[in-house]
């Protein structure tokens, strides 16, 4: 039984050796399984790929792939899943914030017949700012988009070969892989863990990337923006009718000598704002349709070493 570890790498040169040592101690010692590590360099400009090459030269179980630029974790993970050969694959971060032994627990749940096993965060040893954003994001996803999203959210997960085939066939850009997994509806189980504080390096999870994640999830898995636009348009229409009736009555009653240009200006300004908001939201959908129609690949491989050497 072969287990693949898919690890996206982005500015993790200092984490890779400790990560590999941790995998050796906690996973390789479990001889019941055949292990494979697929590391995908997502356009790191540091020495990450050099370290990946060193590790691959020492261990025939390591496959390394380097993308031509930073395409984002979604594309890097998707690339790793498409290149792995295990009966199932565990997606794991390289920052050592998830206990590596969690992989064995997830595999045990998979062997019980689950297609997907999610590693859900029970607690976080992180800053209040990071925790607040994560809680807000996952609450929004659970309430407005995907009701099956666990309360603590997840980044680490196991998917079997059937799910891998579905994810690689979807071939979506500007989407969230975690959302696609929940959307696919396969039999799912959960394990819980405490997310550790990062001890090596700094996170590259910037505010810009967080905002993009929210937008991609919202526009990929929810009709909420369209419904909001419809509601705003309806309220504006009803409000304009009521306003017009009031103005006519006041005019006929002689309460208004001259029609107020201020009122008209404010109303026109409000209407213009609604129109622009509507165009902006609809533009998000149109752009995503256009982006998909161009049929650009979700990733481009610049270099790879997938040969498996026979163990001595």
C-alpha atoms as a PDB file:
ATOM      1  CA  UNK A   1       0.000   0.000   0.000  1.00  0.00           C
ATOM      2  CA  UNK A   2       1.592   3.228  -1.196  1.00  0.00           C
ATOM      3  CA  UNK A   3       1.091   6.613   0.488  1.00  0.00           C
ATOM      4  CA  UNK A   4       2.107   9.850  -1.241  1.00  0.00           C
ATOM      5  CA  UNK A   5       2.951  13.049   0.610  1.00  0.00           C
ATOM      6  CA  UNK A   6       2.329  16.139  -1.524  1.00  0.00           C
ATOM      7  CA  UNK A   7       4.177  19.170  -0.156  1.00  0.00           C
ATOM      8  CA  UNK A   8       3.962  22.617  -1.817  1.00  0.00           C
ATOM      9  CA  UNK A   9       7.148  24.601  -1.258  1.00  0.00           C
ATOM     10  CA  UNK A  10       7.316  28.392  -1.189  1.00  0.00           C
ATOM     11  CA  UNK A  11      10.308  30.041   0.515  1.00  0.00           C
ATOM     12  CA  UNK A  12      10.889  27.075   2.828  1.00  0.00           C
ATOM     13  CA  UNK A  13      14.613  26.420   2.425  1.00  0.00           C
ATOM     14  CA  UNK A  14      15.205  26.403   6.192  1.00  0.00           C
ATOM     15  CA  UNK A  15      12.253  24.112   6.875  1.00  0.00           C
ATOM     16  CA  UNK A  16      12.972  21.347   4.385  1.00  0.00           C
ATOM     17  CA  UNK A  17      15.759  19.478   6.164  1.00  0.00           C
ATOM     18  CA  UNK A  18      13.967  19.464   9.561  1.00  0.00           C
ATOM     19  CA  UNK A  19      10.773  18.440   7.737  1.00  0.00           C
ATOM     20  CA  UNK A  20      12.508  15.536   5.998  1.00  0.00           C
ATOM     21  CA  UNK A  21      14.102  14.406   9.264  1.00  0.00           C
ATOM     22  CA  UNK A  22      10.692  14.517  10.935  1.00  0.00           C
ATOM     23  CA  UNK A  23       9.188  12.414   8.145  1.00  0.00           C
ATOM     24  CA  UNK A  24      12.027   9.902   8.433  1.00  0.00           C
ATOM     25  CA  UNK A  25      11.524   9.497  12.159  1.00  0.00           C
ATOM     26  CA  UNK A  26       7.742   9.391  12.260  1.00  0.00           C
ATOM     27  CA  UNK A  27       6.645   7.926   8.907  1.00  0.00           C
ATOM     28  CA  UNK A  28       9.473   5.936   7.349  1.00  0.00           C
ATOM     29  CA  UNK A  29       9.673   3.891  10.527  1.00  0.00           C
ATOM     30  CA  UNK A  30       6.185   2.596   9.713  1.00  0.00           C
ATOM     31  CA  UNK A  31       7.261  -0.138   7.282  1.00  0.00           C
ATOM     32  CA  UNK A  32       3.666  -1.267   6.744  1.00  0.00           C
ATOM     33  CA  UNK A  33       3.369   1.356   3.992  1.00  0.00           C
ATOM     34  CA  UNK A  34       5.409   2.302   0.962  1.00  0.00           C
ATOM     35  CA  UNK A  35       6.123   6.028   1.087  1.00  0.00           C
ATOM     36  CA  UNK A  36       6.519   8.623  -1.645  1.00  0.00           C
ATOM     37  CA  UNK A  37       7.231  12.344  -1.211  1.00  0.00           C
ATOM     38  CA  UNK A  38       6.285  14.782  -3.971  1.00  0.00           C
ATOM     39  CA  UNK A  39       7.718  18.248  -3.378  1.00  0.00           C
ATOM     40  CA  UNK A  40       6.557  21.079  -5.653  1.00  0.00           C
ATOM     41  CA  UNK A  41       8.568  24.292  -5.704  1.00  0.00           C
ATOM     42  CA  UNK A  42       6.028  27.047  -6.316  1.00  0.00           C
ATOM     43  CA  UNK A  43       8.386  29.635  -7.750  1.00  0.00           C
ATOM     44  CA  UNK A  44      10.516  30.160  -4.637  1.00  0.00           C
ATOM     45  CA  UNK A  45      13.369  32.578  -5.256  1.00  0.00           C
ATOM     46  CA  UNK A  46      15.407  31.367  -2.273  1.00  0.00           C
ATOM     47  CA  UNK A  47      17.373  28.131  -2.056  1.00  0.00           C
ATOM     48  CA  UNK A  48      14.357  25.863  -1.625  1.00  0.00           C
ATOM     49  CA  UNK A  49      14.796  24.022  -4.921  1.00  0.00           C
ATOM     50  CA  UNK A  50      18.502  23.472  -4.289  1.00  0.00           C
ATOM     51  CA  UNK A  51      17.678  21.830  -0.958  1.00  0.00           C
ATOM     52  CA  UNK A  52      14.943  19.792  -2.662  1.00  0.00           C
ATOM     53  CA  UNK A  53      17.515  18.527  -5.177  1.00  0.00           C
ATOM     54  CA  UNK A  54      19.899  17.562  -2.378  1.00  0.00           C
ATOM     55  CA  UNK A  55      17.199  15.598  -0.578  1.00  0.00           C
ATOM     56  CA  UNK A  56      16.078  13.885  -3.797  1.00  0.00           C
ATOM     57  CA  UNK A  57      19.657  12.795  -4.498  1.00  0.00           C
ATOM     58  CA  UNK A  58      19.773  11.164  -1.046  1.00  0.00           C
ATOM     59  CA  UNK A  59      16.349   9.510  -1.109  1.00  0.00           C
ATOM     60  CA  UNK A  60      14.857   7.734  -4.131  1.00  0.00           C
ATOM     61  CA  UNK A  61      11.386   8.095  -2.617  1.00  0.00           C
ATOM     62  CA  UNK A  62      11.417  11.862  -3.189  1.00  0.00           C
ATOM     63  CA  UNK A  63      10.073  13.376  -6.413  1.00  0.00           C
ATOM     64  CA  UNK A  64      10.729  17.051  -7.001  1.00  0.00           C
ATOM     65  CA  UNK A  65       9.003  19.470  -9.355  1.00  0.00           C
ATOM     66  CA  UNK A  66       9.706  23.164  -9.884  1.00  0.00           C
ATOM     67  CA  UNK A  67       7.125  25.484 -11.405  1.00  0.00           C
ATOM     68  CA  UNK A  68       8.265  28.326 -13.666  1.00  0.00           C
ATOM     69  CA  UNK A  69       6.849  30.975 -11.324  1.00  0.00           C
ATOM     70  CA  UNK A  70       4.606  31.369  -8.296  1.00  0.00           C
ATOM     71  CA  UNK A  71       1.197  30.041  -9.357  1.00  0.00           C
ATOM     72  CA  UNK A  72      -0.186  29.719  -5.814  1.00  0.00           C
ATOM     73  CA  UNK A  73      -0.694  26.773  -3.490  1.00  0.00           C
ATOM     74  CA  UNK A  74      -3.816  25.603  -5.374  1.00  0.00           C
ATOM     75  CA  UNK A  75      -1.831  25.013  -8.576  1.00  0.00           C
ATOM     76  CA  UNK A  76       1.202  23.602  -6.764  1.00  0.00           C
ATOM     77  CA  UNK A  77      -0.888  21.049  -4.872  1.00  0.00           C
ATOM     78  CA  UNK A  78      -2.821  20.145  -8.008  1.00  0.00           C
ATOM     79  CA  UNK A  79       0.472  19.585  -9.822  1.00  0.00           C
ATOM     80  CA  UNK A  80       1.714  17.349  -7.010  1.00  0.00           C
ATOM     81  CA  UNK A  81      -1.502  15.328  -7.005  1.00  0.00           C
ATOM     82  CA  UNK A  82      -1.272  14.803 -10.761  1.00  0.00           C
ATOM     83  CA  UNK A  83       2.305  13.462 -10.424  1.00  0.00           C
ATOM     84  CA  UNK A  84       1.923  11.270  -7.338  1.00  0.00           C
ATOM     85  CA  UNK A  85       1.496   7.511  -7.700  1.00  0.00           C
ATOM     86  CA  UNK A  86       0.175   6.502  -4.281  1.00  0.00           C
ATOM     87  CA  UNK A  87      -3.089   4.757  -3.498  1.00  0.00           C
ATOM     88  CA  UNK A  88      -3.886   7.929  -1.594  1.00  0.00           C
ATOM     89  CA  UNK A  89      -2.178  11.278  -1.099  1.00  0.00           C
ATOM     90  CA  UNK A  90      -1.788  13.456   1.964  1.00  0.00           C
ATOM     91  CA  UNK A  91      -1.357  17.177   1.338  1.00  0.00           C
ATOM     92  CA  UNK A  92       0.949  18.606   3.978  1.00  0.00           C
ATOM     93  CA  UNK A  93       2.470  22.050   4.485  1.00  0.00           C
ATOM     94  CA  UNK A  94       6.251  22.475   4.742  1.00  0.00           C
ATOM     95  CA  UNK A  95       6.239  24.841   7.730  1.00  0.00           C
ATOM     96  CA  UNK A  96       6.122  22.111  10.424  1.00  0.00           C
ATOM     97  CA  UNK A  97       2.981  23.577  12.009  1.00  0.00           C
ATOM     98  CA  UNK A  98       1.093  20.300  11.706  1.00  0.00           C
ATOM     99  CA  UNK A  99       2.290  17.214  13.596  1.00  0.00           C
ATOM    100  CA  UNK A 100       3.719  14.760  11.055  1.00  0.00           C
ATOM    101  CA  UNK A 101       2.352  11.761  12.968  1.00  0.00           C
ATOM    102  CA  UNK A 102      -1.102  13.078  12.052  1.00  0.00           C
ATOM    103  CA  UNK A 103      -0.551  11.478   8.640  1.00  0.00           C
ATOM    104  CA  UNK A 104      -0.694   7.963  10.151  1.00  0.00           C
ATOM    105  CA  UNK A 105      -3.968   8.755  11.900  1.00  0.00           C
ATOM    106  CA  UNK A 106      -5.446  10.014   8.636  1.00  0.00           C
ATOM    107  CA  UNK A 107      -4.308   6.889   6.799  1.00  0.00           C
ATOM    108  CA  UNK A 108      -5.990   4.684   9.414  1.00  0.00           C
ATOM    109  CA  UNK A 109      -9.288   6.508   8.846  1.00  0.00           C
ATOM    110  CA  UNK A 110      -8.842   6.124   5.078  1.00  0.00           C
ATOM    111  CA  UNK A 111      -8.394   2.368   5.484  1.00  0.00           C
ATOM    112  CA  UNK A 112     -11.828   2.274   7.099  1.00  0.00           C
ATOM    113  CA  UNK A 113     -13.353   3.222   3.748  1.00  0.00           C
ATOM    114  CA  UNK A 114     -13.327   7.030   3.670  1.00  0.00           C
ATOM    115  CA  UNK A 115     -12.352   8.729   0.411  1.00  0.00           C
ATOM    116  CA  UNK A 116     -11.389  11.994   2.128  1.00  0.00           C
ATOM    117  CA  UNK A 117      -9.936  12.595   5.581  1.00  0.00           C
ATOM    118  CA  UNK A 118      -9.706  16.192   6.788  1.00  0.00           C
ATOM    119  CA  UNK A 119      -7.255  17.322   9.460  1.00  0.00           C
ATOM    120  CA  UNK A 120      -9.333  19.937  11.292  1.00  0.00           C
ATOM    121  CA  UNK A 121      -7.751  22.531  13.544  1.00  0.00           C
ATOM    122  CA  UNK A 122      -9.047  22.171  17.088  1.00  0.00           C
ATOM    123  CA  UNK A 123      -6.829  24.906  18.511  1.00  0.00           C
ATOM    124  CA  UNK A 124      -4.135  27.290  17.257  1.00  0.00           C
ATOM    125  CA  UNK A 125      -0.836  28.346  18.795  1.00  0.00           C
ATOM    126  CA  UNK A 126      -0.707  31.438  16.580  1.00  0.00           C
ATOM    127  CA  UNK A 127      -1.176  35.179  16.852  1.00  0.00           C
ATOM    128  CA  UNK A 128      -4.623  36.598  17.540  1.00  0.00           C
ATOM    129  CA  UNK A 129      -4.644  38.316  14.137  1.00  0.00           C
ATOM    130  CA  UNK A 130      -4.054  35.078  12.232  1.00  0.00           C
ATOM    131  CA  UNK A 131      -6.593  33.234  14.344  1.00  0.00           C
ATOM    132  CA  UNK A 132      -9.202  35.964  13.899  1.00  0.00           C
ATOM    133  CA  UNK A 133      -8.897  35.998  10.104  1.00  0.00           C
ATOM    134  CA  UNK A 134      -9.030  32.200   9.902  1.00  0.00           C
ATOM    135  CA  UNK A 135     -12.109  32.013  12.117  1.00  0.00           C
ATOM    136  CA  UNK A 136     -13.889  34.740  10.139  1.00  0.00           C
ATOM    137  CA  UNK A 137     -13.030  33.113   6.814  1.00  0.00           C
ATOM    138  CA  UNK A 138     -14.182  29.625   7.751  1.00  0.00           C
ATOM    139  CA  UNK A 139     -17.327  30.943   9.420  1.00  0.00           C
ATOM    140  CA  UNK A 140     -18.185  32.857   6.243  1.00  0.00           C
ATOM    141  CA  UNK A 141     -17.528  29.795   4.077  1.00  0.00           C
ATOM    142  CA  UNK A 142     -19.625  27.572   6.324  1.00  0.00           C
ATOM    143  CA  UNK A 143     -22.554  29.992   6.524  1.00  0.00           C
ATOM    144  CA  UNK A 144     -22.652  31.363   2.969  1.00  0.00           C
ATOM    145  CA  UNK A 145     -20.943  28.900   0.630  1.00  0.00           C
ATOM    146  CA  UNK A 146     -20.165  25.380   1.806  1.00  0.00           C
ATOM    147  CA  UNK A 147     -22.094  24.168   4.818  1.00  0.00           C
ATOM    148  CA  UNK A 148     -19.840  21.110   5.131  1.00  0.00           C
ATOM    149  CA  UNK A 149     -16.775  23.234   5.925  1.00  0.00           C
ATOM    150  CA  UNK A 150     -15.504  22.209   9.404  1.00  0.00           C
ATOM    151  CA  UNK A 151     -15.643  24.910  12.055  1.00  0.00           C
ATOM    152  CA  UNK A 152     -11.867  25.054  12.468  1.00  0.00           C
ATOM    153  CA  UNK A 153     -11.142  24.799   8.761  1.00  0.00           C
ATOM    154  CA  UNK A 154      -8.446  22.621   7.194  1.00  0.00           C
ATOM    155  CA  UNK A 155      -5.331  22.850   5.036  1.00  0.00           C
ATOM    156  CA  UNK A 156      -4.059  19.315   5.552  1.00  0.00           C
ATOM    157  CA  UNK A 157      -6.083  16.469   4.085  1.00  0.00           C
ATOM    158  CA  UNK A 158      -5.969  12.991   2.619  1.00  0.00           C
ATOM    159  CA  UNK A 159      -7.615  12.111  -0.689  1.00  0.00           C
ATOM    160  CA  UNK A 160      -7.693   8.701  -2.326  1.00  0.00           C
ATOM    161  CA  UNK A 161      -7.043   7.933  -5.973  1.00  0.00           C
ATOM    162  CA  UNK A 162     -10.692   8.384  -6.962  1.00  0.00           C
ATOM    163  CA  UNK A 163     -10.788  11.908  -5.529  1.00  0.00           C
ATOM    164  CA  UNK A 164      -7.412  12.763  -7.070  1.00  0.00           C
ATOM    165  CA  UNK A 165      -8.759  11.831 -10.506  1.00  0.00           C
ATOM    166  CA  UNK A 166     -11.768  14.108  -9.985  1.00  0.00           C
ATOM    167  CA  UNK A 167      -9.683  17.069  -8.789  1.00  0.00           C
ATOM    168  CA  UNK A 168      -7.255  16.847 -11.691  1.00  0.00           C
ATOM    169  CA  UNK A 169     -10.152  16.519 -14.150  1.00  0.00           C
ATOM    170  CA  UNK A 170     -11.857  19.697 -12.849  1.00  0.00           C
ATOM    171  CA  UNK A 171      -8.907  21.802 -14.041  1.00  0.00           C
ATOM    172  CA  UNK A 172     -10.317  25.050 -12.586  1.00  0.00           C
ATOM    173  CA  UNK A 173      -8.411  28.298 -12.267  1.00  0.00           C
ATOM    174  CA  UNK A 174      -9.145  30.939  -9.606  1.00  0.00           C
ATOM    175  CA  UNK A 175     -10.703  28.421  -7.277  1.00  0.00           C
ATOM    176  CA  UNK A 176      -9.992  26.842  -3.881  1.00  0.00           C
ATOM    177  CA  UNK A 177      -8.954  23.205  -3.773  1.00  0.00           C
ATOM    178  CA  UNK A 178     -10.407  22.749  -0.296  1.00  0.00           C
ATOM    179  CA  UNK A 179     -13.756  23.976  -1.616  1.00  0.00           C
ATOM    180  CA  UNK A 180     -13.579  21.568  -4.550  1.00  0.00           C
ATOM    181  CA  UNK A 181     -12.969  18.670  -2.155  1.00  0.00           C
ATOM    182  CA  UNK A 182     -16.031  19.554  -0.069  1.00  0.00           C
ATOM    183  CA  UNK A 183     -18.092  20.252  -3.196  1.00  0.00           C
ATOM    184  CA  UNK A 184     -17.259  16.836  -4.682  1.00  0.00           C
ATOM    185  CA  UNK A 185     -19.198  15.163  -1.872  1.00  0.00           C
ATOM    186  CA  UNK A 186     -17.092  12.038  -1.333  1.00  0.00           C
ATOM    187  CA  UNK A 187     -17.326  10.087   1.905  1.00  0.00           C
ATOM    188  CA  UNK A 188     -15.428  12.214   4.411  1.00  0.00           C
ATOM    189  CA  UNK A 189     -14.068  11.772   7.927  1.00  0.00           C
ATOM    190  CA  UNK A 190     -12.196  14.147  10.229  1.00  0.00           C
ATOM    191  CA  UNK A 191      -9.274  14.054  12.628  1.00  0.00           C
ATOM    192  CA  UNK A 192      -8.448  16.920  14.976  1.00  0.00           C
ATOM    193  CA  UNK A 193      -5.159  18.518  15.948  1.00  0.00           C
ATOM    194  CA  UNK A 194      -3.619  21.664  17.429  1.00  0.00           C
ATOM    195  CA  UNK A 195      -1.872  23.877  14.875  1.00  0.00           C
ATOM    196  CA  UNK A 196       1.573  24.719  16.210  1.00  0.00           C
ATOM    197  CA  UNK A 197       3.271  28.094  16.114  1.00  0.00           C
ATOM    198  CA  UNK A 198       5.797  28.556  13.327  1.00  0.00           C
ATOM    199  CA  UNK A 199       9.347  28.289  14.636  1.00  0.00           C
ATOM    200  CA  UNK A 200      11.392  28.512  11.413  1.00  0.00           C
ATOM    201  CA  UNK A 201      11.085  31.288   8.817  1.00  0.00           C
ATOM    202  CA  UNK A 202       8.240  33.698   8.192  1.00  0.00           C
ATOM    203  CA  UNK A 203       4.885  33.046   6.591  1.00  0.00           C
ATOM    204  CA  UNK A 204       4.388  34.303   3.029  1.00  0.00           C
ATOM    205  CA  UNK A 205       0.617  34.209   3.539  1.00  0.00           C
ATOM    206  CA  UNK A 206       0.116  37.924   2.861  1.00  0.00           C
ATOM    207  CA  UNK A 207      -3.044  40.019   3.197  1.00  0.00           C
ATOM    208  CA  UNK A 208      -3.295  40.163  -0.605  1.00  0.00           C
ATOM    209  CA  UNK A 209      -3.320  36.369  -0.828  1.00  0.00           C
ATOM    210  CA  UNK A 210      -5.889  36.130   1.961  1.00  0.00           C
ATOM    211  CA  UNK A 211      -8.210  38.530   0.147  1.00  0.00           C
ATOM    212  CA  UNK A 212      -7.773  36.562  -3.080  1.00  0.00           C
ATOM    213  CA  UNK A 213      -8.639  33.339  -1.267  1.00  0.00           C
ATOM    214  CA  UNK A 214     -11.860  34.893   0.050  1.00  0.00           C
ATOM    215  CA  UNK A 215     -12.771  36.196  -3.421  1.00  0.00           C
ATOM    216  CA  UNK A 216     -11.963  32.903  -5.169  1.00  0.00           C
ATOM    217  CA  UNK A 217     -13.997  30.922  -2.666  1.00  0.00           C
ATOM    218  CA  UNK A 218     -16.916  33.348  -2.789  1.00  0.00           C
ATOM    219  CA  UNK A 219     -17.189  33.556  -6.566  1.00  0.00           C
ATOM    220  CA  UNK A 220     -16.448  29.861  -7.150  1.00  0.00           C
ATOM    221  CA  UNK A 221     -18.843  28.279  -4.676  1.00  0.00           C
ATOM    222  CA  UNK A 222     -21.570  30.783  -3.850  1.00  0.00           C
ATOM    223  CA  UNK A 223     -24.413  32.630  -5.570  1.00  0.00           C
ATOM    224  CA  UNK A 224     -24.488  35.140  -2.709  1.00  0.00           C
ATOM    225  CA  UNK A 225     -23.065  38.062  -4.769  1.00  0.00           C
ATOM    226  CA  UNK A 226     -25.715  37.620  -7.465  1.00  0.00           C
ATOM    227  CA  UNK A 227     -28.465  37.368  -4.863  1.00  0.00           C
ATOM    228  CA  UNK A 228     -27.126  40.488  -3.111  1.00  0.00           C
ATOM    229  CA  UNK A 229     -27.146  42.420  -6.388  1.00  0.00           C
ATOM    230  CA  UNK A 230     -30.706  41.288  -7.079  1.00  0.00           C
ATOM    231  CA  UNK A 231     -31.820  42.362  -3.593  1.00  0.00           C
ATOM    232  CA  UNK A 232     -30.111  45.758  -3.888  1.00  0.00           C
ATOM    233  CA  UNK A 233     -31.675  46.330  -7.293  1.00  0.00           C
ATOM    234  CA  UNK A 234     -35.118  45.351  -6.031  1.00  0.00           C
ATOM    235  CA  UNK A 235     -34.868  47.604  -2.963  1.00  0.00           C
ATOM    236  CA  UNK A 236     -33.658  50.487  -5.120  1.00  0.00           C
ATOM    237  CA  UNK A 237     -36.574  50.027  -7.512  1.00  0.00           C
ATOM    238  CA  UNK A 238     -39.175  49.883  -4.744  1.00  0.00           C
ATOM    239  CA  UNK A 239     -37.585  52.820  -2.929  1.00  0.00           C
ATOM    240  CA  UNK A 240     -37.579  54.945  -6.083  1.00  0.00           C
ATOM    241  CA  UNK A 241     -41.285  54.264  -6.666  1.00  0.00           C
ATOM    242  CA  UNK A 242     -42.186  55.192  -3.082  1.00  0.00           C
ATOM    243  CA  UNK A 243     -40.027  58.293  -3.292  1.00  0.00           C
ATOM    244  CA  UNK A 244     -41.634  59.313  -6.568  1.00  0.00           C
ATOM    245  CA  UNK A 245     -45.158  58.876  -5.142  1.00  0.00           C
ATOM    246  CA  UNK A 246     -44.284  60.991  -2.100  1.00  0.00           C
ATOM    247  CA  UNK A 247     -42.826  63.723  -4.302  1.00  0.00           C
ATOM    248  CA  UNK A 248     -45.912  63.778  -6.547  1.00  0.00           C
ATOM    249  CA  UNK A 249     -48.287  63.978  -3.572  1.00  0.00           C
ATOM    250  CA  UNK A 250     -46.266  66.773  -1.993  1.00  0.00           C
ATOM    251  CA  UNK A 251     -46.161  68.634  -5.296  1.00  0.00           C
ATOM    252  CA  UNK A 252     -49.931  68.329  -5.820  1.00  0.00           C
ATOM    253  CA  UNK A 253     -50.537  69.453  -2.259  1.00  0.00           C
ATOM    254  CA  UNK A 254     -48.484  72.557  -2.874  1.00  0.00           C
ATOM    255  CA  UNK A 255     -45.894  71.655  -0.325  1.00  0.00           C
ATOM    256  CA  UNK A 256     -43.102  71.937  -2.877  1.00  0.00           C
ATOM    257  CA  UNK A 257     -42.670  75.118  -4.914  1.00  0.00           C
ATOM    258  CA  UNK A 258     -39.618  73.996  -6.811  1.00  0.00           C
ATOM    259  CA  UNK A 259     -38.529  70.439  -7.322  1.00  0.00           C
ATOM    260  CA  UNK A 260     -35.439  69.836  -5.242  1.00  0.00           C
ATOM    261  CA  UNK A 261     -32.386  69.272  -7.334  1.00  0.00           C
ATOM    262  CA  UNK A 262     -30.546  68.056  -4.207  1.00  0.00           C
ATOM    263  CA  UNK A 263     -32.915  65.148  -3.781  1.00  0.00           C
ATOM    264  CA  UNK A 264     -32.588  64.262  -7.428  1.00  0.00           C
ATOM    265  CA  UNK A 265     -28.814  64.509  -7.277  1.00  0.00           C
ATOM    266  CA  UNK A 266     -28.572  62.275  -4.209  1.00  0.00           C
ATOM    267  CA  UNK A 267     -30.869  59.714  -5.752  1.00  0.00           C
ATOM    268  CA  UNK A 268     -28.935  59.707  -9.013  1.00  0.00           C
ATOM    269  CA  UNK A 269     -25.700  59.349  -7.111  1.00  0.00           C
ATOM    270  CA  UNK A 270     -27.092  56.413  -5.157  1.00  0.00           C
ATOM    271  CA  UNK A 271     -28.330  54.787  -8.342  1.00  0.00           C
ATOM    272  CA  UNK A 272     -24.952  55.273  -9.970  1.00  0.00           C
ATOM    273  CA  UNK A 273     -23.289  53.571  -6.993  1.00  0.00           C
ATOM    274  CA  UNK A 274     -25.657  50.623  -7.223  1.00  0.00           C
ATOM    275  CA  UNK A 275     -24.992  50.298 -10.950  1.00  0.00           C
ATOM    276  CA  UNK A 276     -21.248  50.372 -10.446  1.00  0.00           C
ATOM    277  CA  UNK A 277     -21.442  47.811  -7.641  1.00  0.00           C
ATOM    278  CA  UNK A 278     -23.521  45.580  -9.865  1.00  0.00           C
ATOM    279  CA  UNK A 279     -21.080  45.909 -12.735  1.00  0.00           C
ATOM    280  CA  UNK A 280     -18.177  45.122 -10.444  1.00  0.00           C
ATOM    281  CA  UNK A 281     -19.682  41.919  -9.090  1.00  0.00           C
ATOM    282  CA  UNK A 282     -20.910  40.743 -12.471  1.00  0.00           C
ATOM    283  CA  UNK A 283     -17.496  41.613 -13.841  1.00  0.00           C
ATOM    284  CA  UNK A 284     -15.943  39.109 -11.435  1.00  0.00           C
ATOM    285  CA  UNK A 285     -18.044  36.332 -12.935  1.00  0.00           C
ATOM    286  CA  UNK A 286     -17.426  37.470 -16.508  1.00  0.00           C
ATOM    287  CA  UNK A 287     -13.697  37.640 -15.910  1.00  0.00           C
ATOM    288  CA  UNK A 288     -13.639  34.115 -14.500  1.00  0.00           C
ATOM    289  CA  UNK A 289     -15.580  32.854 -17.512  1.00  0.00           C
ATOM    290  CA  UNK A 290     -13.120  34.584 -19.804  1.00  0.00           C
ATOM    291  CA  UNK A 291     -10.144  33.240 -17.860  1.00  0.00           C
ATOM    292  CA  UNK A 292     -11.461  29.682 -18.138  1.00  0.00           C
ATOM    293  CA  UNK A 293     -12.264  30.073 -21.849  1.00  0.00           C
ATOM    294  CA  UNK A 294      -8.616  30.892 -22.581  1.00  0.00           C
ATOM    295  CA  UNK A 295      -7.826  27.313 -21.531  1.00  0.00           C
ATOM    296  CA  UNK A 296      -4.550  28.264 -19.887  1.00  0.00           C
ATOM    297  CA  UNK A 297      -2.956  25.461 -17.868  1.00  0.00           C
ATOM    298  CA  UNK A 298      -3.232  25.848 -14.078  1.00  0.00           C
ATOM    299  CA  UNK A 299       0.525  25.309 -13.816  1.00  0.00           C
ATOM    300  CA  UNK A 300       3.631  25.091 -16.004  1.00  0.00           C
ATOM    301  CA  UNK A 301       6.463  22.724 -15.072  1.00  0.00           C
ATOM    302  CA  UNK A 302       9.891  24.210 -15.494  1.00  0.00           C
ATOM    303  CA  UNK A 303      11.963  21.305 -14.207  1.00  0.00           C
ATOM    304  CA  UNK A 304      11.241  17.918 -12.703  1.00  0.00           C
ATOM    305  CA  UNK A 305      12.972  14.762 -11.560  1.00  0.00           C
ATOM    306  CA  UNK A 306      10.508  11.909 -11.300  1.00  0.00           C
ATOM    307  CA  UNK A 307      12.841   8.950 -11.697  1.00  0.00           C
ATOM    308  CA  UNK A 308      12.695   6.401  -8.903  1.00  0.00           C
ATOM    309  CA  UNK A 309      16.086   4.824  -8.225  1.00  0.00           C
ATOM    310  CA  UNK A 310      16.232   1.260  -7.004  1.00  0.00           C
ATOM    311  CA  UNK A 311      17.133   1.109  -3.371  1.00  0.00           C
ATOM    312  CA  UNK A 312      20.505  -0.365  -2.690  1.00  0.00           C
END
